[in-house]
Amino acid sequence: MKTICFEIMGEAQAQGRPRAGKSFSGKTVLYDPATSRDFKQYVKLVASQYKPQELITGPIHLEMTFYQPIPKKYQTKPKQALIEAGVLLPVTKPDVDNLAKGVKDGLTKIIWQDDSQVVSMMVRKLYSMTPKVAVHITYE
């Protein structure tokens, strides 16, 4: 089994709902919201430094840990101790599946052929003083 591990520094952006607009010819077109599009571009940029010689074509096991910024109300000593012990976890938006979708879309055509190759996925949300995404990819 081969592995690729890297970190995407900064706060992760959830995959937003597609927006609808009109083209110059009057057709309705769907597009990504700007924050989602920019985050996916950033993921592509970071992942390109770790890409394999050839795109992965087989099954992929993916682990992602999203380190969210700690809200001001939790920046007290008792709350910090609970965060470090793993007791106090982020149960706020964005959802882990929307966070994962943005990263998976960003890794497509950089690390793997298509995100349908992901056969198992573990996604976690934790608090941290340094927001980032830790990505761990295992494949054959």
N, C-alpha and C. Protein backbone atom coordinates (compact mmCIF):
# COMPACT_ATOMS: atom_id res chain seq x y z
N MET A 1 0.83 -1.19 0.00
CA MET A 1 0.00 0.00 0.00
C MET A 1 0.88 1.25 0.00
N LYS A 2 0.53 2.21 -0.81
CA LYS A 2 1.24 3.47 -0.88
C LYS A 2 0.41 4.54 -0.18
N THR A 3 1.08 5.56 0.34
CA THR A 3 0.36 6.64 1.01
C THR A 3 0.85 7.99 0.54
N ILE A 4 -0.05 8.94 0.58
CA ILE A 4 0.26 10.34 0.31
C ILE A 4 -0.35 11.12 1.48
N CYS A 5 0.46 11.89 2.17
CA CYS A 5 -0.01 12.69 3.31
C CYS A 5 0.43 14.13 3.12
N PHE A 6 -0.48 15.05 3.37
CA PHE A 6 -0.13 16.46 3.33
C PHE A 6 -1.15 17.27 4.10
N GLU A 7 -0.82 18.53 4.34
CA GLU A 7 -1.69 19.43 5.06
C GLU A 7 -2.01 20.64 4.18
N ILE A 8 -3.26 21.06 4.26
CA ILE A 8 -3.72 22.26 3.57
C ILE A 8 -3.93 23.30 4.66
N MET A 9 -3.04 24.27 4.72
CA MET A 9 -3.10 25.27 5.79
C MET A 9 -4.23 26.27 5.53
N GLY A 10 -4.83 26.75 6.60
CA GLY A 10 -5.93 27.71 6.51
C GLY A 10 -7.26 27.05 6.77
N GLU A 11 -8.27 27.87 6.92
CA GLU A 11 -9.61 27.38 7.23
C GLU A 11 -10.28 26.79 5.99
N ALA A 12 -10.79 25.58 6.11
CA ALA A 12 -11.44 24.91 4.99
C ALA A 12 -12.78 25.56 4.69
N GLN A 13 -13.13 25.59 3.43
CA GLN A 13 -14.42 26.13 3.00
C GLN A 13 -15.30 24.97 2.55
N ALA A 14 -16.53 24.95 3.01
CA ALA A 14 -17.47 23.90 2.62
C ALA A 14 -17.88 24.11 1.17
N GLN A 15 -18.21 23.02 0.51
CA GLN A 15 -18.72 23.09 -0.85
C GLN A 15 -20.10 23.74 -0.81
N GLY A 16 -20.22 24.89 -1.44
CA GLY A 16 -21.50 25.60 -1.46
C GLY A 16 -22.45 25.04 -2.50
N ARG A 17 -23.69 25.40 -2.38
CA ARG A 17 -24.69 24.99 -3.36
C ARG A 17 -24.43 25.71 -4.68
N PRO A 18 -24.63 25.00 -5.80
CA PRO A 18 -24.43 25.66 -7.10
C PRO A 18 -25.37 26.86 -7.25
N ARG A 19 -24.87 27.90 -7.85
CA ARG A 19 -25.66 29.11 -8.09
C ARG A 19 -26.07 29.13 -9.56
N ALA A 20 -27.21 29.72 -9.82
CA ALA A 20 -27.71 29.81 -11.20
C ALA A 20 -27.56 31.25 -11.67
N GLY A 21 -27.26 31.38 -12.95
CA GLY A 21 -27.15 32.70 -13.56
C GLY A 21 -27.51 32.59 -15.03
N LYS A 22 -27.48 33.69 -15.71
CA LYS A 22 -27.80 33.72 -17.14
C LYS A 22 -26.54 34.03 -17.93
N SER A 23 -26.37 33.32 -19.05
CA SER A 23 -25.25 33.62 -19.95
C SER A 23 -25.65 34.78 -20.85
N PHE A 24 -24.71 35.24 -21.68
CA PHE A 24 -25.02 36.35 -22.58
C PHE A 24 -26.11 35.98 -23.57
N SER A 25 -26.21 34.70 -23.91
CA SER A 25 -27.23 34.28 -24.86
C SER A 25 -28.57 34.00 -24.19
N GLY A 26 -28.63 34.16 -22.85
CA GLY A 26 -29.90 33.97 -22.15
C GLY A 26 -30.09 32.60 -21.56
N LYS A 27 -29.12 31.70 -21.75
CA LYS A 27 -29.25 30.35 -21.19
C LYS A 27 -28.94 30.38 -19.70
N THR A 28 -29.58 29.49 -18.95
CA THR A 28 -29.31 29.37 -17.53
C THR A 28 -28.06 28.51 -17.35
N VAL A 29 -27.12 29.01 -16.57
CA VAL A 29 -25.88 28.28 -16.31
C VAL A 29 -25.70 28.14 -14.80
N LEU A 30 -25.11 27.04 -14.38
CA LEU A 30 -24.81 26.82 -12.97
C LEU A 30 -23.32 27.04 -12.74
N TYR A 31 -22.98 27.63 -11.60
CA TYR A 31 -21.57 27.87 -11.29
C TYR A 31 -21.35 27.72 -9.79
N ASP A 32 -20.09 27.48 -9.43
CA ASP A 32 -19.69 27.37 -8.03
C ASP A 32 -19.66 28.75 -7.38
N PRO A 33 -20.06 28.85 -6.11
CA PRO A 33 -19.85 30.12 -5.41
C PRO A 33 -18.35 30.44 -5.34
N ALA A 34 -18.01 31.71 -5.25
CA ALA A 34 -16.61 32.14 -5.31
C ALA A 34 -15.76 31.51 -4.22
N THR A 35 -16.28 31.41 -2.98
CA THR A 35 -15.46 30.86 -1.89
C THR A 35 -15.15 29.39 -2.14
N SER A 36 -16.12 28.63 -2.65
CA SER A 36 -15.90 27.21 -2.94
C SER A 36 -14.87 27.06 -4.06
N ARG A 37 -15.04 27.87 -5.10
CA ARG A 37 -14.13 27.80 -6.25
C ARG A 37 -12.70 28.14 -5.85
N ASP A 38 -12.55 29.20 -5.06
CA ASP A 38 -11.21 29.61 -4.63
C ASP A 38 -10.56 28.56 -3.74
N PHE A 39 -11.34 27.96 -2.83
CA PHE A 39 -10.78 26.93 -1.95
C PHE A 39 -10.33 25.71 -2.76
N LYS A 40 -11.13 25.29 -3.73
CA LYS A 40 -10.75 24.14 -4.57
C LYS A 40 -9.47 24.43 -5.34
N GLN A 41 -9.31 25.65 -5.83
CA GLN A 41 -8.08 26.04 -6.53
C GLN A 41 -6.88 25.95 -5.58
N TYR A 42 -7.07 26.37 -4.35
CA TYR A 42 -6.00 26.31 -3.35
C TYR A 42 -5.64 24.86 -3.04
N VAL A 43 -6.66 24.00 -2.93
CA VAL A 43 -6.42 22.56 -2.69
C VAL A 43 -5.62 21.98 -3.85
N LYS A 44 -5.98 22.33 -5.08
CA LYS A 44 -5.25 21.85 -6.26
C LYS A 44 -3.79 22.29 -6.21
N LEU A 45 -3.57 23.54 -5.83
CA LEU A 45 -2.21 24.07 -5.76
C LEU A 45 -1.37 23.31 -4.74
N VAL A 46 -1.91 23.08 -3.54
CA VAL A 46 -1.17 22.36 -2.51
C VAL A 46 -0.98 20.90 -2.92
N ALA A 47 -2.02 20.25 -3.43
CA ALA A 47 -1.95 18.83 -3.79
C ALA A 47 -0.99 18.59 -4.94
N SER A 48 -0.83 19.56 -5.83
CA SER A 48 0.07 19.37 -6.97
C SER A 48 1.52 19.15 -6.52
N GLN A 49 1.86 19.59 -5.33
CA GLN A 49 3.20 19.37 -4.80
C GLN A 49 3.40 17.93 -4.34
N TYR A 50 2.32 17.19 -4.16
CA TYR A 50 2.38 15.81 -3.65
C TYR A 50 1.84 14.79 -4.65
N LYS A 51 1.55 15.23 -5.86
CA LYS A 51 0.91 14.32 -6.81
C LYS A 51 1.85 13.19 -7.22
N PRO A 52 1.25 12.01 -7.46
CA PRO A 52 2.06 10.87 -7.91
C PRO A 52 2.48 11.04 -9.37
N GLN A 53 3.38 10.17 -9.83
CA GLN A 53 3.83 10.24 -11.22
C GLN A 53 2.66 10.14 -12.20
N GLU A 54 1.77 9.18 -11.91
CA GLU A 54 0.57 9.01 -12.72
C GLU A 54 -0.63 9.10 -11.81
N LEU A 55 -1.76 9.55 -12.35
CA LEU A 55 -2.97 9.64 -11.55
C LEU A 55 -3.35 8.26 -11.00
N ILE A 56 -3.83 8.23 -9.77
CA ILE A 56 -4.28 6.97 -9.17
C ILE A 56 -5.54 6.52 -9.89
N THR A 57 -5.58 5.25 -10.28
CA THR A 57 -6.75 4.73 -11.00
C THR A 57 -7.49 3.66 -10.22
N GLY A 58 -6.89 3.16 -9.15
CA GLY A 58 -7.52 2.09 -8.36
C GLY A 58 -8.30 2.64 -7.18
N PRO A 59 -8.72 1.72 -6.29
CA PRO A 59 -9.47 2.13 -5.11
C PRO A 59 -8.62 2.96 -4.14
N ILE A 60 -9.27 3.90 -3.47
CA ILE A 60 -8.59 4.84 -2.58
C ILE A 60 -9.27 4.85 -1.22
N HIS A 61 -8.45 4.85 -0.18
CA HIS A 61 -8.93 5.03 1.19
C HIS A 61 -8.49 6.43 1.61
N LEU A 62 -9.44 7.25 2.03
CA LEU A 62 -9.18 8.65 2.29
C LEU A 62 -9.52 9.01 3.74
N GLU A 63 -8.58 9.67 4.40
CA GLU A 63 -8.81 10.20 5.75
C GLU A 63 -8.56 11.69 5.72
N MET A 64 -9.50 12.45 6.27
CA MET A 64 -9.35 13.90 6.34
C MET A 64 -9.72 14.37 7.74
N THR A 65 -8.87 15.22 8.29
CA THR A 65 -9.16 15.83 9.58
C THR A 65 -9.18 17.34 9.37
N PHE A 66 -10.32 17.94 9.67
CA PHE A 66 -10.50 19.38 9.52
C PHE A 66 -10.31 20.03 10.88
N TYR A 67 -9.29 20.85 10.98
CA TYR A 67 -9.01 21.58 12.22
C TYR A 67 -9.64 22.96 12.10
N GLN A 68 -10.72 23.17 12.83
CA GLN A 68 -11.48 24.41 12.78
C GLN A 68 -10.93 25.41 13.80
N PRO A 69 -11.05 26.72 13.52
CA PRO A 69 -10.60 27.70 14.50
C PRO A 69 -11.46 27.63 15.77
N ILE A 70 -10.84 27.92 16.90
CA ILE A 70 -11.54 27.88 18.18
C ILE A 70 -12.32 29.18 18.35
N PRO A 71 -13.63 29.11 18.61
CA PRO A 71 -14.41 30.34 18.84
C PRO A 71 -13.91 31.08 20.09
N LYS A 72 -14.11 32.38 20.11
CA LYS A 72 -13.65 33.20 21.23
C LYS A 72 -14.23 32.72 22.56
N LYS A 73 -15.48 32.27 22.56
CA LYS A 73 -16.10 31.86 23.81
C LYS A 73 -15.45 30.61 24.42
N TYR A 74 -14.66 29.86 23.61
CA TYR A 74 -13.97 28.67 24.11
C TYR A 74 -12.50 28.92 24.42
N GLN A 75 -12.07 30.16 24.37
CA GLN A 75 -10.65 30.46 24.60
C GLN A 75 -10.37 30.78 26.07
N THR A 76 -10.93 29.94 26.95
CA THR A 76 -10.65 30.03 28.38
C THR A 76 -9.89 28.77 28.78
N LYS A 77 -9.20 28.82 29.90
CA LYS A 77 -8.40 27.66 30.33
C LYS A 77 -9.23 26.38 30.48
N PRO A 78 -10.40 26.42 31.15
CA PRO A 78 -11.17 25.17 31.29
C PRO A 78 -11.62 24.60 29.93
N LYS A 79 -12.07 25.49 29.04
CA LYS A 79 -12.52 25.04 27.71
C LYS A 79 -11.33 24.53 26.89
N GLN A 80 -10.18 25.18 26.99
CA GLN A 80 -8.97 24.74 26.27
C GLN A 80 -8.58 23.33 26.71
N ALA A 81 -8.71 23.06 28.02
CA ALA A 81 -8.38 21.72 28.52
C ALA A 81 -9.33 20.69 27.94
N LEU A 82 -10.60 21.03 27.82
CA LEU A 82 -11.58 20.10 27.22
C LEU A 82 -11.28 19.87 25.74
N ILE A 83 -10.87 20.92 25.04
CA ILE A 83 -10.53 20.79 23.62
C ILE A 83 -9.32 19.89 23.45
N GLU A 84 -8.28 20.11 24.26
CA GLU A 84 -7.07 19.29 24.17
C GLU A 84 -7.34 17.84 24.52
N ALA A 85 -8.29 17.60 25.42
CA ALA A 85 -8.65 16.22 25.79
C ALA A 85 -9.55 15.56 24.75
N GLY A 86 -10.02 16.34 23.76
CA GLY A 86 -10.88 15.78 22.72
C GLY A 86 -12.32 15.62 23.16
N VAL A 87 -12.70 16.32 24.23
CA VAL A 87 -14.07 16.23 24.74
C VAL A 87 -14.97 17.27 24.07
N LEU A 88 -14.45 18.47 23.88
CA LEU A 88 -15.21 19.55 23.27
C LEU A 88 -14.93 19.55 21.77
N LEU A 89 -15.95 19.20 20.98
CA LEU A 89 -15.80 19.07 19.53
C LEU A 89 -16.71 20.07 18.81
N PRO A 90 -16.35 20.49 17.60
CA PRO A 90 -17.18 21.44 16.86
C PRO A 90 -18.44 20.76 16.31
N VAL A 91 -19.58 21.18 16.81
CA VAL A 91 -20.86 20.63 16.34
C VAL A 91 -21.64 21.71 15.59
N THR A 92 -20.91 22.64 14.99
CA THR A 92 -21.52 23.74 14.25
C THR A 92 -21.31 23.52 12.76
N LYS A 93 -21.96 24.36 11.97
CA LYS A 93 -21.76 24.30 10.53
C LYS A 93 -20.36 24.78 10.22
N PRO A 94 -19.74 24.35 9.16
CA PRO A 94 -20.25 23.52 8.07
C PRO A 94 -20.22 22.02 8.41
N ASP A 95 -21.06 21.28 7.70
CA ASP A 95 -21.12 19.83 7.86
C ASP A 95 -19.84 19.19 7.33
N VAL A 96 -19.47 18.04 7.91
CA VAL A 96 -18.25 17.36 7.46
C VAL A 96 -18.37 16.89 6.01
N ASP A 97 -19.56 16.49 5.59
CA ASP A 97 -19.69 16.01 4.20
C ASP A 97 -19.49 17.14 3.20
N ASN A 98 -19.92 18.36 3.53
CA ASN A 98 -19.69 19.50 2.64
C ASN A 98 -18.22 19.91 2.64
N LEU A 99 -17.57 19.81 3.79
CA LEU A 99 -16.13 20.10 3.85
C LEU A 99 -15.36 19.08 3.00
N ALA A 100 -15.70 17.80 3.16
CA ALA A 100 -15.01 16.73 2.42
C ALA A 100 -15.23 16.88 0.92
N LYS A 101 -16.41 17.27 0.51
CA LYS A 101 -16.71 17.39 -0.92
C LYS A 101 -15.79 18.41 -1.60
N GLY A 102 -15.55 19.53 -0.92
CA GLY A 102 -14.67 20.55 -1.49
C GLY A 102 -13.26 20.04 -1.69
N VAL A 103 -12.73 19.29 -0.72
CA VAL A 103 -11.37 18.75 -0.83
C VAL A 103 -11.33 17.67 -1.91
N LYS A 104 -12.31 16.76 -1.92
CA LYS A 104 -12.34 15.70 -2.93
C LYS A 104 -12.39 16.27 -4.33
N ASP A 105 -13.20 17.30 -4.54
CA ASP A 105 -13.27 17.93 -5.86
C ASP A 105 -11.93 18.56 -6.23
N GLY A 106 -11.25 19.15 -5.25
CA GLY A 106 -9.96 19.77 -5.53
C GLY A 106 -8.87 18.76 -5.88
N LEU A 107 -8.98 17.53 -5.36
CA LEU A 107 -7.97 16.51 -5.61
C LEU A 107 -8.19 15.75 -6.93
N THR A 108 -9.39 15.88 -7.50
CA THR A 108 -9.70 15.21 -8.76
C THR A 108 -8.82 15.77 -9.88
N LYS A 109 -8.27 14.87 -10.68
CA LYS A 109 -7.37 15.17 -11.81
C LYS A 109 -6.00 15.66 -11.36
N ILE A 110 -5.75 15.72 -10.04
CA ILE A 110 -4.43 16.06 -9.53
C ILE A 110 -3.83 14.81 -8.88
N ILE A 111 -4.58 14.18 -7.99
CA ILE A 111 -4.13 12.97 -7.31
C ILE A 111 -4.78 11.74 -7.93
N TRP A 112 -6.08 11.80 -8.18
CA TRP A 112 -6.80 10.65 -8.75
C TRP A 112 -7.62 11.07 -9.97
N GLN A 113 -8.08 10.04 -10.68
CA GLN A 113 -8.86 10.25 -11.90
C GLN A 113 -10.22 10.86 -11.58
N ASP A 114 -10.95 10.23 -10.63
CA ASP A 114 -12.30 10.67 -10.30
C ASP A 114 -12.56 10.37 -8.82
N ASP A 115 -13.33 11.20 -8.15
CA ASP A 115 -13.57 10.96 -6.73
C ASP A 115 -14.48 9.77 -6.46
N SER A 116 -15.01 9.15 -7.49
CA SER A 116 -15.78 7.91 -7.30
C SER A 116 -14.86 6.75 -6.92
N GLN A 117 -13.55 6.92 -7.07
CA GLN A 117 -12.58 5.88 -6.69
C GLN A 117 -12.41 5.76 -5.18
N VAL A 118 -12.89 6.73 -4.43
CA VAL A 118 -12.78 6.68 -2.97
C VAL A 118 -13.77 5.63 -2.47
N VAL A 119 -13.21 4.53 -1.92
CA VAL A 119 -14.05 3.42 -1.46
C VAL A 119 -14.30 3.48 0.04
N SER A 120 -13.45 4.17 0.79
CA SER A 120 -13.69 4.38 2.21
C SER A 120 -13.16 5.75 2.59
N MET A 121 -13.89 6.37 3.51
CA MET A 121 -13.51 7.73 3.87
C MET A 121 -13.81 7.95 5.36
N MET A 122 -12.83 8.54 6.05
CA MET A 122 -13.03 8.93 7.43
C MET A 122 -12.79 10.43 7.53
N VAL A 123 -13.78 11.13 8.04
CA VAL A 123 -13.71 12.59 8.12
C VAL A 123 -13.97 13.00 9.57
N ARG A 124 -13.10 13.89 10.08
CA ARG A 124 -13.24 14.39 11.45
C ARG A 124 -13.16 15.91 11.44
N LYS A 125 -13.84 16.50 12.42
CA LYS A 125 -13.75 17.94 12.67
C LYS A 125 -13.26 18.12 14.09
N LEU A 126 -12.19 18.88 14.26
CA LEU A 126 -11.63 19.15 15.58
C LEU A 126 -11.33 20.64 15.69
N TYR A 127 -11.15 21.12 16.91
CA TYR A 127 -10.73 22.50 17.12
C TYR A 127 -9.21 22.56 17.16
N SER A 128 -8.66 23.69 16.70
CA SER A 128 -7.22 23.91 16.74
C SER A 128 -6.94 25.40 16.66
N MET A 129 -5.80 25.80 17.23
CA MET A 129 -5.39 27.20 17.11
C MET A 129 -4.92 27.52 15.70
N THR A 130 -4.48 26.48 14.95
CA THR A 130 -4.05 26.68 13.56
C THR A 130 -4.99 25.91 12.65
N PRO A 131 -5.94 26.59 12.01
CA PRO A 131 -6.87 25.91 11.11
C PRO A 131 -6.13 25.30 9.93
N LYS A 132 -6.50 24.06 9.61
CA LYS A 132 -5.87 23.36 8.48
C LYS A 132 -6.68 22.10 8.18
N VAL A 133 -6.30 21.42 7.10
CA VAL A 133 -6.89 20.13 6.75
C VAL A 133 -5.73 19.15 6.60
N ALA A 134 -5.79 18.05 7.33
CA ALA A 134 -4.79 16.99 7.20
C ALA A 134 -5.39 15.91 6.31
N VAL A 135 -4.70 15.60 5.21
CA VAL A 135 -5.19 14.62 4.24
C VAL A 135 -4.25 13.42 4.23
N HIS A 136 -4.83 12.22 4.31
CA HIS A 136 -4.06 10.98 4.29
C HIS A 136 -4.73 10.06 3.26
N ILE A 137 -4.01 9.77 2.17
CA ILE A 137 -4.53 8.93 1.08
C ILE A 137 -3.76 7.64 1.04
N THR A 138 -4.49 6.52 1.04
CA THR A 138 -3.86 5.20 0.93
C THR A 138 -4.41 4.53 -0.33
N TYR A 139 -3.50 3.95 -1.13
CA TYR A 139 -3.91 3.27 -2.37
C TYR A 139 -2.89 2.18 -2.70
N GLU A 140 -3.25 1.36 -3.68
CA GLU A 140 -2.34 0.27 -4.11
C GLU A 140 -1.55 0.67 -5.32
